[in-house]
Amino acid sequence: MDETIQESDQRLLELIQLNLIRGVGPRIRRTLLDRFGSPAQILNAPRQELLNVPGIGTKLADAIIYREAKSTAEDELRRCREAGYQILSEESLEYPSLLREMHDPPSLLYCKGSLMPEDELAVAIVGSRKCTHYGLQQAEKIAAALARAGITIVSGLARGIDQAAHTGAL
């Protein structure tokens, strides 16, 4: 393990690792956590036990036990910290309460900057990377109006609509 990554980061690394496994989305993750109890137990589960979980086939079971995502998870955590990002899990106190109410909330949020209590009132603006000029204008215009009204704009880091939303919010 990288010396800049603390032992206390182990659970977060396990969550990142699960998040990086193709085929483990919010529903499968929830099913696995309900069955095994923790990310560590999922990642260390015998293949046959994984195959006994509804929705887990041989390809996904092999992806989980192969552990290919382990070094990638360490790299991702290190890169995020170097760039000033924080990674919030559902267990984090800073994880938005409204997301906790979703049936299948995102397992991890990547945030740059600070989450403030006033950020609880937020709107996500997401869309195509390849969009029309009109779409870009409208995303920027809507985001600007919402930001002026004190509403936090949440979006991905993609180009196109996401980028226009951030530009408008600023």
N, C-alpha and C. Protein backbone atom coordinates (compact mmCIF):
# COMPACT_ATOMS: atom_id res chain seq x y z
N MET A 1 0.85 -1.19 0.00
CA MET A 1 0.00 0.00 0.00
C MET A 1 0.89 1.24 0.00
N ASP A 2 0.50 2.25 -0.71
CA ASP A 2 1.22 3.52 -0.81
C ASP A 2 1.34 4.15 0.57
N GLU A 3 2.52 4.75 0.86
CA GLU A 3 2.74 5.35 2.18
C GLU A 3 1.86 6.57 2.44
N THR A 4 1.33 7.22 1.40
CA THR A 4 0.45 8.37 1.61
C THR A 4 -0.98 7.95 1.94
N ILE A 5 -1.25 6.67 1.83
CA ILE A 5 -2.58 6.14 2.14
C ILE A 5 -2.50 5.47 3.51
N GLN A 6 -3.33 5.97 4.43
CA GLN A 6 -3.31 5.50 5.80
C GLN A 6 -4.06 4.18 5.95
N GLU A 7 -3.73 3.46 7.02
CA GLU A 7 -4.44 2.23 7.35
C GLU A 7 -5.93 2.50 7.57
N SER A 8 -6.24 3.69 8.10
CA SER A 8 -7.63 4.06 8.36
C SER A 8 -8.43 4.24 7.06
N ASP A 9 -7.74 4.31 5.94
CA ASP A 9 -8.40 4.45 4.64
C ASP A 9 -8.87 3.10 4.07
N GLN A 10 -8.62 2.03 4.79
CA GLN A 10 -8.88 0.70 4.24
C GLN A 10 -10.33 0.52 3.79
N ARG A 11 -11.29 0.92 4.63
CA ARG A 11 -12.70 0.74 4.26
C ARG A 11 -13.04 1.58 3.02
N LEU A 12 -12.54 2.81 2.96
CA LEU A 12 -12.79 3.64 1.79
C LEU A 12 -12.18 3.00 0.55
N LEU A 13 -10.97 2.46 0.67
CA LEU A 13 -10.34 1.78 -0.46
C LEU A 13 -11.18 0.60 -0.93
N GLU A 14 -11.74 -0.13 0.03
CA GLU A 14 -12.58 -1.28 -0.33
C GLU A 14 -13.84 -0.82 -1.06
N LEU A 15 -14.42 0.29 -0.60
CA LEU A 15 -15.61 0.84 -1.27
C LEU A 15 -15.27 1.32 -2.68
N ILE A 16 -14.11 1.97 -2.83
CA ILE A 16 -13.68 2.42 -4.16
C ILE A 16 -13.47 1.20 -5.05
N GLN A 17 -12.83 0.18 -4.49
CA GLN A 17 -12.58 -1.03 -5.27
C GLN A 17 -13.89 -1.65 -5.76
N LEU A 18 -14.87 -1.76 -4.89
CA LEU A 18 -16.18 -2.29 -5.30
C LEU A 18 -16.79 -1.41 -6.38
N ASN A 19 -16.66 -0.11 -6.21
CA ASN A 19 -17.23 0.85 -7.15
C ASN A 19 -16.59 0.73 -8.54
N LEU A 20 -15.35 0.29 -8.59
CA LEU A 20 -14.63 0.19 -9.86
C LEU A 20 -14.90 -1.12 -10.60
N ILE A 21 -15.57 -2.06 -9.95
CA ILE A 21 -15.82 -3.35 -10.60
C ILE A 21 -17.03 -3.22 -11.52
N ARG A 22 -16.80 -3.43 -12.80
CA ARG A 22 -17.87 -3.34 -13.79
C ARG A 22 -18.95 -4.37 -13.44
N GLY A 23 -20.17 -3.86 -13.35
CA GLY A 23 -21.29 -4.74 -13.02
C GLY A 23 -21.78 -4.59 -11.59
N VAL A 24 -20.98 -3.93 -10.74
CA VAL A 24 -21.41 -3.69 -9.36
C VAL A 24 -21.95 -2.27 -9.28
N GLY A 25 -23.24 -2.14 -9.52
CA GLY A 25 -23.93 -0.86 -9.39
C GLY A 25 -24.57 -0.77 -8.02
N PRO A 26 -25.38 0.26 -7.81
CA PRO A 26 -26.00 0.45 -6.49
C PRO A 26 -26.82 -0.75 -6.00
N ARG A 27 -27.59 -1.37 -6.87
CA ARG A 27 -28.44 -2.49 -6.43
C ARG A 27 -27.62 -3.72 -6.07
N ILE A 28 -26.69 -4.08 -6.93
CA ILE A 28 -25.84 -5.25 -6.65
C ILE A 28 -25.01 -4.99 -5.40
N ARG A 29 -24.47 -3.77 -5.28
CA ARG A 29 -23.68 -3.43 -4.09
C ARG A 29 -24.52 -3.61 -2.83
N ARG A 30 -25.76 -3.11 -2.84
CA ARG A 30 -26.65 -3.24 -1.68
C ARG A 30 -26.93 -4.71 -1.38
N THR A 31 -27.19 -5.50 -2.42
CA THR A 31 -27.44 -6.94 -2.24
C THR A 31 -26.23 -7.62 -1.62
N LEU A 32 -25.04 -7.29 -2.12
CA LEU A 32 -23.81 -7.89 -1.59
C LEU A 32 -23.57 -7.47 -0.14
N LEU A 33 -23.78 -6.19 0.16
CA LEU A 33 -23.58 -5.72 1.54
C LEU A 33 -24.58 -6.36 2.48
N ASP A 34 -25.82 -6.52 2.04
CA ASP A 34 -26.82 -7.19 2.87
C ASP A 34 -26.42 -8.63 3.16
N ARG A 35 -25.83 -9.27 2.17
CA ARG A 35 -25.45 -10.69 2.31
C ARG A 35 -24.17 -10.87 3.11
N PHE A 36 -23.15 -10.04 2.84
CA PHE A 36 -21.83 -10.26 3.44
C PHE A 36 -21.51 -9.31 4.60
N GLY A 37 -22.17 -8.16 4.67
CA GLY A 37 -21.99 -7.27 5.80
C GLY A 37 -21.00 -6.14 5.63
N SER A 38 -19.96 -6.34 4.85
CA SER A 38 -18.95 -5.28 4.69
C SER A 38 -18.26 -5.44 3.35
N PRO A 39 -17.66 -4.34 2.85
CA PRO A 39 -16.90 -4.44 1.60
C PRO A 39 -15.76 -5.46 1.70
N ALA A 40 -15.08 -5.50 2.84
CA ALA A 40 -13.96 -6.44 3.00
C ALA A 40 -14.44 -7.88 2.86
N GLN A 41 -15.59 -8.18 3.46
CA GLN A 41 -16.11 -9.55 3.38
C GLN A 41 -16.56 -9.89 1.96
N ILE A 42 -17.06 -8.91 1.24
CA ILE A 42 -17.43 -9.15 -0.16
C ILE A 42 -16.18 -9.47 -0.97
N LEU A 43 -15.16 -8.64 -0.81
CA LEU A 43 -13.94 -8.79 -1.61
C LEU A 43 -13.16 -10.06 -1.26
N ASN A 44 -13.40 -10.60 -0.08
CA ASN A 44 -12.70 -11.82 0.34
C ASN A 44 -13.60 -13.05 0.32
N ALA A 45 -14.80 -12.90 -0.20
CA ALA A 45 -15.75 -14.02 -0.23
C ALA A 45 -15.29 -15.09 -1.23
N PRO A 46 -15.52 -16.34 -0.89
CA PRO A 46 -15.23 -17.42 -1.84
C PRO A 46 -16.14 -17.30 -3.07
N ARG A 47 -15.64 -17.73 -4.18
CA ARG A 47 -16.37 -17.64 -5.45
C ARG A 47 -17.75 -18.27 -5.34
N GLN A 48 -17.83 -19.45 -4.74
CA GLN A 48 -19.12 -20.15 -4.67
C GLN A 48 -20.15 -19.36 -3.85
N GLU A 49 -19.69 -18.70 -2.79
CA GLU A 49 -20.62 -17.88 -2.00
C GLU A 49 -21.12 -16.68 -2.80
N LEU A 50 -20.24 -16.11 -3.60
CA LEU A 50 -20.67 -15.01 -4.47
C LEU A 50 -21.70 -15.49 -5.48
N LEU A 51 -21.47 -16.66 -6.03
CA LEU A 51 -22.39 -17.21 -7.03
C LEU A 51 -23.76 -17.53 -6.45
N ASN A 52 -23.85 -17.70 -5.14
CA ASN A 52 -25.13 -17.97 -4.49
C ASN A 52 -25.97 -16.71 -4.29
N VAL A 53 -25.39 -15.55 -4.57
CA VAL A 53 -26.10 -14.28 -4.41
C VAL A 53 -26.90 -14.00 -5.69
N PRO A 54 -28.21 -13.72 -5.56
CA PRO A 54 -29.00 -13.40 -6.75
C PRO A 54 -28.41 -12.22 -7.52
N GLY A 55 -28.29 -12.39 -8.83
CA GLY A 55 -27.76 -11.33 -9.68
C GLY A 55 -26.26 -11.42 -9.93
N ILE A 56 -25.60 -12.37 -9.26
CA ILE A 56 -24.15 -12.53 -9.44
C ILE A 56 -23.90 -13.76 -10.30
N GLY A 57 -23.35 -13.53 -11.48
CA GLY A 57 -22.98 -14.64 -12.36
C GLY A 57 -21.49 -14.90 -12.28
N THR A 58 -21.02 -15.83 -13.07
CA THR A 58 -19.61 -16.22 -13.01
C THR A 58 -18.68 -15.07 -13.38
N LYS A 59 -19.06 -14.30 -14.38
CA LYS A 59 -18.19 -13.19 -14.82
C LYS A 59 -18.02 -12.15 -13.70
N LEU A 60 -19.13 -11.79 -13.04
CA LEU A 60 -19.05 -10.80 -11.96
C LEU A 60 -18.35 -11.38 -10.74
N ALA A 61 -18.63 -12.62 -10.41
CA ALA A 61 -17.94 -13.26 -9.27
C ALA A 61 -16.44 -13.26 -9.51
N ASP A 62 -16.03 -13.60 -10.73
CA ASP A 62 -14.60 -13.60 -11.05
C ASP A 62 -14.00 -12.20 -10.96
N ALA A 63 -14.75 -11.20 -11.40
CA ALA A 63 -14.26 -9.81 -11.33
C ALA A 63 -14.06 -9.39 -9.87
N ILE A 64 -14.94 -9.84 -8.99
CA ILE A 64 -14.83 -9.48 -7.58
C ILE A 64 -13.63 -10.17 -6.94
N ILE A 65 -13.44 -11.45 -7.21
CA ILE A 65 -12.35 -12.16 -6.53
C ILE A 65 -10.98 -11.92 -7.18
N TYR A 66 -10.97 -11.47 -8.42
CA TYR A 66 -9.70 -11.25 -9.11
C TYR A 66 -8.91 -10.11 -8.49
N ARG A 67 -9.60 -9.14 -7.92
CA ARG A 67 -8.98 -8.03 -7.19
C ARG A 67 -8.16 -7.09 -8.08
N GLU A 68 -8.45 -7.09 -9.35
CA GLU A 68 -7.74 -6.21 -10.28
C GLU A 68 -7.89 -4.75 -9.89
N ALA A 69 -9.04 -4.41 -9.31
CA ALA A 69 -9.33 -3.01 -9.00
C ALA A 69 -8.58 -2.50 -7.76
N LYS A 70 -7.87 -3.38 -7.03
CA LYS A 70 -7.23 -2.95 -5.78
C LYS A 70 -6.19 -1.85 -6.02
N SER A 71 -5.25 -2.08 -6.91
CA SER A 71 -4.22 -1.06 -7.14
C SER A 71 -4.83 0.17 -7.80
N THR A 72 -5.85 -0.03 -8.62
CA THR A 72 -6.53 1.10 -9.24
C THR A 72 -7.22 1.96 -8.18
N ALA A 73 -7.80 1.32 -7.17
CA ALA A 73 -8.46 2.05 -6.08
C ALA A 73 -7.44 2.89 -5.31
N GLU A 74 -6.28 2.32 -5.03
CA GLU A 74 -5.23 3.07 -4.33
C GLU A 74 -4.77 4.25 -5.17
N ASP A 75 -4.60 4.04 -6.47
CA ASP A 75 -4.20 5.13 -7.37
C ASP A 75 -5.27 6.22 -7.40
N GLU A 76 -6.54 5.80 -7.44
CA GLU A 76 -7.63 6.78 -7.50
C GLU A 76 -7.68 7.61 -6.23
N LEU A 77 -7.56 6.98 -5.08
CA LEU A 77 -7.59 7.72 -3.82
C LEU A 77 -6.42 8.70 -3.75
N ARG A 78 -5.24 8.26 -4.13
CA ARG A 78 -4.06 9.14 -4.11
C ARG A 78 -4.23 10.33 -5.06
N ARG A 79 -4.70 10.06 -6.29
CA ARG A 79 -4.91 11.14 -7.27
C ARG A 79 -5.95 12.14 -6.77
N CYS A 80 -7.02 11.64 -6.19
CA CYS A 80 -8.06 12.54 -5.68
C CYS A 80 -7.52 13.43 -4.58
N ARG A 81 -6.76 12.86 -3.68
CA ARG A 81 -6.19 13.66 -2.58
C ARG A 81 -5.20 14.69 -3.11
N GLU A 82 -4.38 14.30 -4.06
CA GLU A 82 -3.41 15.24 -4.63
C GLU A 82 -4.11 16.40 -5.33
N ALA A 83 -5.27 16.14 -5.92
CA ALA A 83 -6.02 17.17 -6.64
C ALA A 83 -7.00 17.93 -5.74
N GLY A 84 -7.05 17.58 -4.47
CA GLY A 84 -7.92 18.29 -3.54
C GLY A 84 -9.36 17.81 -3.51
N TYR A 85 -9.60 16.61 -4.02
CA TYR A 85 -10.95 16.03 -3.99
C TYR A 85 -11.11 15.20 -2.72
N GLN A 86 -12.33 15.16 -2.22
CA GLN A 86 -12.64 14.23 -1.16
C GLN A 86 -13.62 13.20 -1.71
N ILE A 87 -13.55 12.00 -1.20
CA ILE A 87 -14.46 10.94 -1.61
C ILE A 87 -15.34 10.62 -0.42
N LEU A 88 -16.63 10.82 -0.60
CA LEU A 88 -17.59 10.59 0.47
C LEU A 88 -18.36 9.30 0.22
N SER A 89 -18.43 8.47 1.25
CA SER A 89 -19.27 7.27 1.16
C SER A 89 -20.57 7.56 1.90
N GLU A 90 -21.52 6.66 1.79
CA GLU A 90 -22.79 6.82 2.50
C GLU A 90 -22.56 6.89 4.01
N GLU A 91 -21.45 6.38 4.47
CA GLU A 91 -21.13 6.39 5.90
C GLU A 91 -20.59 7.73 6.36
N SER A 92 -20.18 8.58 5.42
CA SER A 92 -19.60 9.88 5.76
C SER A 92 -20.66 10.82 6.31
N LEU A 93 -20.30 11.58 7.33
CA LEU A 93 -21.22 12.56 7.89
C LEU A 93 -21.60 13.62 6.86
N GLU A 94 -20.68 13.92 5.94
CA GLU A 94 -20.90 14.96 4.94
C GLU A 94 -21.78 14.50 3.78
N TYR A 95 -22.04 13.20 3.68
CA TYR A 95 -22.86 12.67 2.59
C TYR A 95 -24.24 13.32 2.65
N PRO A 96 -24.73 13.89 1.55
CA PRO A 96 -26.01 14.62 1.58
C PRO A 96 -27.19 13.76 2.04
N SER A 97 -27.96 14.31 2.96
CA SER A 97 -29.07 13.55 3.55
C SER A 97 -30.14 13.19 2.52
N LEU A 98 -30.37 14.06 1.54
CA LEU A 98 -31.38 13.74 0.53
C LEU A 98 -30.98 12.54 -0.33
N LEU A 99 -29.69 12.38 -0.56
CA LEU A 99 -29.24 11.21 -1.32
C LEU A 99 -29.46 9.93 -0.52
N ARG A 100 -29.31 10.01 0.80
CA ARG A 100 -29.54 8.83 1.64
C ARG A 100 -30.97 8.32 1.52
N GLU A 101 -31.89 9.20 1.15
CA GLU A 101 -33.30 8.82 1.04
C GLU A 101 -33.62 8.08 -0.26
N MET A 102 -32.71 8.11 -1.21
CA MET A 102 -32.92 7.42 -2.48
C MET A 102 -32.93 5.91 -2.27
N HIS A 103 -33.64 5.22 -3.14
CA HIS A 103 -33.67 3.75 -3.06
C HIS A 103 -32.29 3.15 -3.35
N ASP A 104 -31.62 3.65 -4.37
CA ASP A 104 -30.29 3.18 -4.74
C ASP A 104 -29.34 4.36 -4.84
N PRO A 105 -28.92 4.93 -3.70
CA PRO A 105 -28.04 6.11 -3.76
C PRO A 105 -26.65 5.75 -4.29
N PRO A 106 -25.95 6.74 -4.82
CA PRO A 106 -24.57 6.47 -5.26
C PRO A 106 -23.72 6.05 -4.06
N SER A 107 -22.87 5.07 -4.27
CA SER A 107 -22.05 4.58 -3.16
C SER A 107 -20.98 5.58 -2.77
N LEU A 108 -20.50 6.32 -3.74
CA LEU A 108 -19.43 7.30 -3.49
C LEU A 108 -19.74 8.60 -4.21
N LEU A 109 -19.36 9.70 -3.57
CA LEU A 109 -19.43 11.02 -4.20
C LEU A 109 -18.03 11.60 -4.22
N TYR A 110 -17.65 12.16 -5.33
CA TYR A 110 -16.35 12.81 -5.47
C TYR A 110 -16.61 14.31 -5.42
N CYS A 111 -16.04 14.98 -4.44
CA CYS A 111 -16.33 16.40 -4.22
C CYS A 111 -15.04 17.21 -4.19
N LYS A 112 -15.11 18.38 -4.77
CA LYS A 112 -14.01 19.33 -4.66
C LYS A 112 -14.59 20.56 -3.99
N GLY A 113 -13.93 21.03 -2.97
CA GLY A 113 -14.45 22.15 -2.21
C GLY A 113 -15.16 21.64 -0.97
N SER A 114 -15.95 22.50 -0.39
CA SER A 114 -16.64 22.16 0.85
C SER A 114 -18.13 22.00 0.61
N LEU A 115 -18.71 21.05 1.29
CA LEU A 115 -20.16 20.91 1.29
C LEU A 115 -20.67 21.70 2.48
N MET A 116 -21.58 22.61 2.21
CA MET A 116 -22.13 23.47 3.25
C MET A 116 -23.57 23.06 3.54
N PRO A 117 -24.08 23.41 4.73
CA PRO A 117 -25.49 23.07 5.02
C PRO A 117 -26.46 23.62 3.98
N GLU A 118 -26.15 24.79 3.44
CA GLU A 118 -27.04 25.36 2.42
C GLU A 118 -27.02 24.58 1.11
N ASP A 119 -26.05 23.69 0.96
CA ASP A 119 -25.99 22.85 -0.24
C ASP A 119 -27.07 21.77 -0.25
N GLU A 120 -27.79 21.63 0.85
CA GLU A 120 -28.88 20.65 0.89
C GLU A 120 -29.94 20.98 -0.16
N LEU A 121 -30.09 22.27 -0.49
CA LEU A 121 -31.01 22.69 -1.54
C LEU A 121 -30.21 22.73 -2.84
N ALA A 122 -30.32 21.69 -3.63
CA ALA A 122 -29.47 21.56 -4.81
C ALA A 122 -30.26 20.98 -5.98
N VAL A 123 -29.78 21.31 -7.17
CA VAL A 123 -30.35 20.78 -8.40
C VAL A 123 -29.20 20.21 -9.23
N ALA A 124 -29.39 19.01 -9.75
CA ALA A 124 -28.40 18.41 -10.64
C ALA A 124 -28.76 18.75 -12.08
N ILE A 125 -27.79 19.23 -12.81
CA ILE A 125 -27.97 19.50 -14.24
C ILE A 125 -26.95 18.65 -14.98
N VAL A 126 -27.44 17.68 -15.70
CA VAL A 126 -26.57 16.78 -16.45
C VAL A 126 -27.11 16.63 -17.85
N GLY A 127 -26.25 16.30 -18.76
CA GLY A 127 -26.71 16.14 -20.13
C GLY A 127 -25.60 15.65 -21.04
N SER A 128 -25.83 15.80 -22.29
CA SER A 128 -24.94 15.28 -23.31
C SER A 128 -23.63 16.06 -23.39
N ARG A 129 -22.58 15.35 -23.74
CA ARG A 129 -21.31 16.03 -24.03
C ARG A 129 -21.38 16.66 -25.41
N LYS A 130 -22.08 15.99 -26.31
CA LYS A 130 -22.26 16.49 -27.68
C LYS A 130 -23.66 17.07 -27.77
N CYS A 131 -23.77 18.35 -27.52
CA CYS A 131 -25.09 18.98 -27.48
C CYS A 131 -25.13 20.17 -28.43
N THR A 132 -26.31 20.69 -28.61
CA THR A 132 -26.48 21.84 -29.49
C THR A 132 -26.04 23.12 -28.78
N HIS A 133 -25.82 24.14 -29.57
CA HIS A 133 -25.48 25.45 -29.02
C HIS A 133 -26.63 25.95 -28.14
N TYR A 134 -27.85 25.72 -28.60
CA TYR A 134 -29.03 26.12 -27.83
C TYR A 134 -29.05 25.40 -26.47
N GLY A 135 -28.74 24.11 -26.47
CA GLY A 135 -28.71 23.35 -25.22
C GLY A 135 -27.69 23.91 -24.24
N LEU A 136 -26.51 24.27 -24.75
CA LEU A 136 -25.48 24.88 -23.90
C LEU A 136 -25.96 26.20 -23.31
N GLN A 137 -26.57 27.02 -24.16
CA GLN A 137 -27.07 28.32 -23.69
C GLN A 137 -28.13 28.14 -22.60
N GLN A 138 -29.03 27.22 -22.81
CA GLN A 138 -30.12 27.02 -21.85
C GLN A 138 -29.59 26.45 -20.53
N ALA A 139 -28.66 25.52 -20.59
CA ALA A 139 -28.09 24.95 -19.36
C ALA A 139 -27.41 26.05 -18.55
N GLU A 140 -26.64 26.89 -19.23
CA GLU A 140 -25.95 27.99 -18.55
C GLU A 140 -26.95 28.99 -17.98
N LYS A 141 -27.97 29.33 -18.75
CA LYS A 141 -28.97 30.30 -18.31
C LYS A 141 -29.76 29.78 -17.10
N ILE A 142 -30.19 28.54 -17.16
CA ILE A 142 -30.96 27.95 -16.06
C ILE A 142 -30.10 27.84 -14.80
N ALA A 143 -28.86 27.39 -14.96
CA ALA A 143 -27.96 27.26 -13.80
C ALA A 143 -27.69 28.61 -13.17
N ALA A 144 -27.51 29.64 -13.98
CA ALA A 144 -27.25 30.99 -13.45
C ALA A 144 -28.45 31.48 -12.64
N ALA A 145 -29.65 31.28 -13.15
CA ALA A 145 -30.86 31.72 -12.43
C ALA A 145 -31.02 30.95 -11.12
N LEU A 146 -30.78 29.67 -11.15
CA LEU A 146 -30.89 28.87 -9.92
C LEU A 146 -29.84 29.29 -8.89
N ALA A 147 -28.62 29.52 -9.34
CA ALA A 147 -27.54 29.93 -8.43
C ALA A 147 -27.86 31.28 -7.79
N ARG A 148 -28.40 32.22 -8.58
CA ARG A 148 -28.78 33.52 -8.03
C ARG A 148 -29.87 33.37 -6.96
N ALA A 149 -30.68 32.34 -7.09
CA ALA A 149 -31.76 32.09 -6.11
C ALA A 149 -31.25 31.32 -4.89
N GLY A 150 -29.94 31.06 -4.86
CA GLY A 150 -29.35 30.39 -3.70
C GLY A 150 -29.37 28.88 -3.77
N ILE A 151 -29.63 28.34 -4.94
CA ILE A 151 -29.67 26.89 -5.11
C ILE A 151 -28.32 26.41 -5.62
N THR A 152 -27.79 25.39 -4.98
CA THR A 152 -26.51 24.82 -5.38
C THR A 152 -26.70 23.99 -6.65
N ILE A 153 -25.79 24.16 -7.59
CA ILE A 153 -25.82 23.40 -8.84
C ILE A 153 -24.85 22.24 -8.70
N VAL A 154 -25.35 21.05 -8.94
CA VAL A 154 -24.54 19.83 -8.86
C VAL A 154 -24.48 19.26 -10.26
N SER A 155 -23.30 18.86 -10.67
CA SER A 155 -23.16 18.29 -12.00
C SER A 155 -21.91 17.45 -12.05
N GLY A 156 -21.78 16.70 -13.13
CA GLY A 156 -20.57 15.92 -13.33
C GLY A 156 -19.45 16.82 -13.81
N LEU A 157 -18.37 16.21 -14.17
CA LEU A 157 -17.22 16.99 -14.64
C LEU A 157 -17.06 16.88 -16.15
N ALA A 158 -18.13 16.45 -16.82
CA ALA A 158 -18.05 16.26 -18.27
C ALA A 158 -18.17 17.59 -19.00
N ARG A 159 -17.71 17.58 -20.23
CA ARG A 159 -17.89 18.75 -21.10
C ARG A 159 -19.34 18.79 -21.55
N GLY A 160 -19.69 19.82 -22.23
CA GLY A 160 -21.05 19.93 -22.75
C GLY A 160 -21.98 20.55 -21.73
N ILE A 161 -23.13 19.92 -21.52
CA ILE A 161 -24.16 20.45 -20.62
C ILE A 161 -23.63 20.61 -19.20
N ASP A 162 -22.90 19.63 -18.70
CA ASP A 162 -22.36 19.71 -17.34
C ASP A 162 -21.48 20.94 -17.18
N GLN A 163 -20.58 21.14 -18.12
CA GLN A 163 -19.67 22.29 -18.07
C GLN A 163 -20.44 23.60 -18.17
N ALA A 164 -21.44 23.66 -19.03
CA ALA A 164 -22.25 24.88 -19.17
C ALA A 164 -22.98 25.18 -17.86
N ALA A 165 -23.45 24.14 -17.19
CA ALA A 165 -24.15 24.33 -15.91
C ALA A 165 -23.20 24.94 -14.87
N HIS A 166 -21.98 24.43 -14.82
CA HIS A 166 -21.00 24.99 -13.87
C HIS A 166 -20.64 26.43 -14.23
N THR A 167 -20.48 26.71 -15.50
CA THR A 167 -20.18 28.07 -15.94
C THR A 167 -21.30 29.02 -15.53
N GLY A 168 -22.53 28.62 -15.76
CA GLY A 168 -23.67 29.44 -15.38
C GLY A 168 -23.75 29.66 -13.88
N ALA A 169 -23.45 28.64 -13.11
CA ALA A 169 -23.52 28.74 -11.65
C ALA A 169 -22.47 29.72 -11.12
N LEU A 170 -21.34 29.78 -11.79
CA LEU A 170 -20.27 30.67 -11.34
C LEU A 170 -20.53 32.10 -11.76
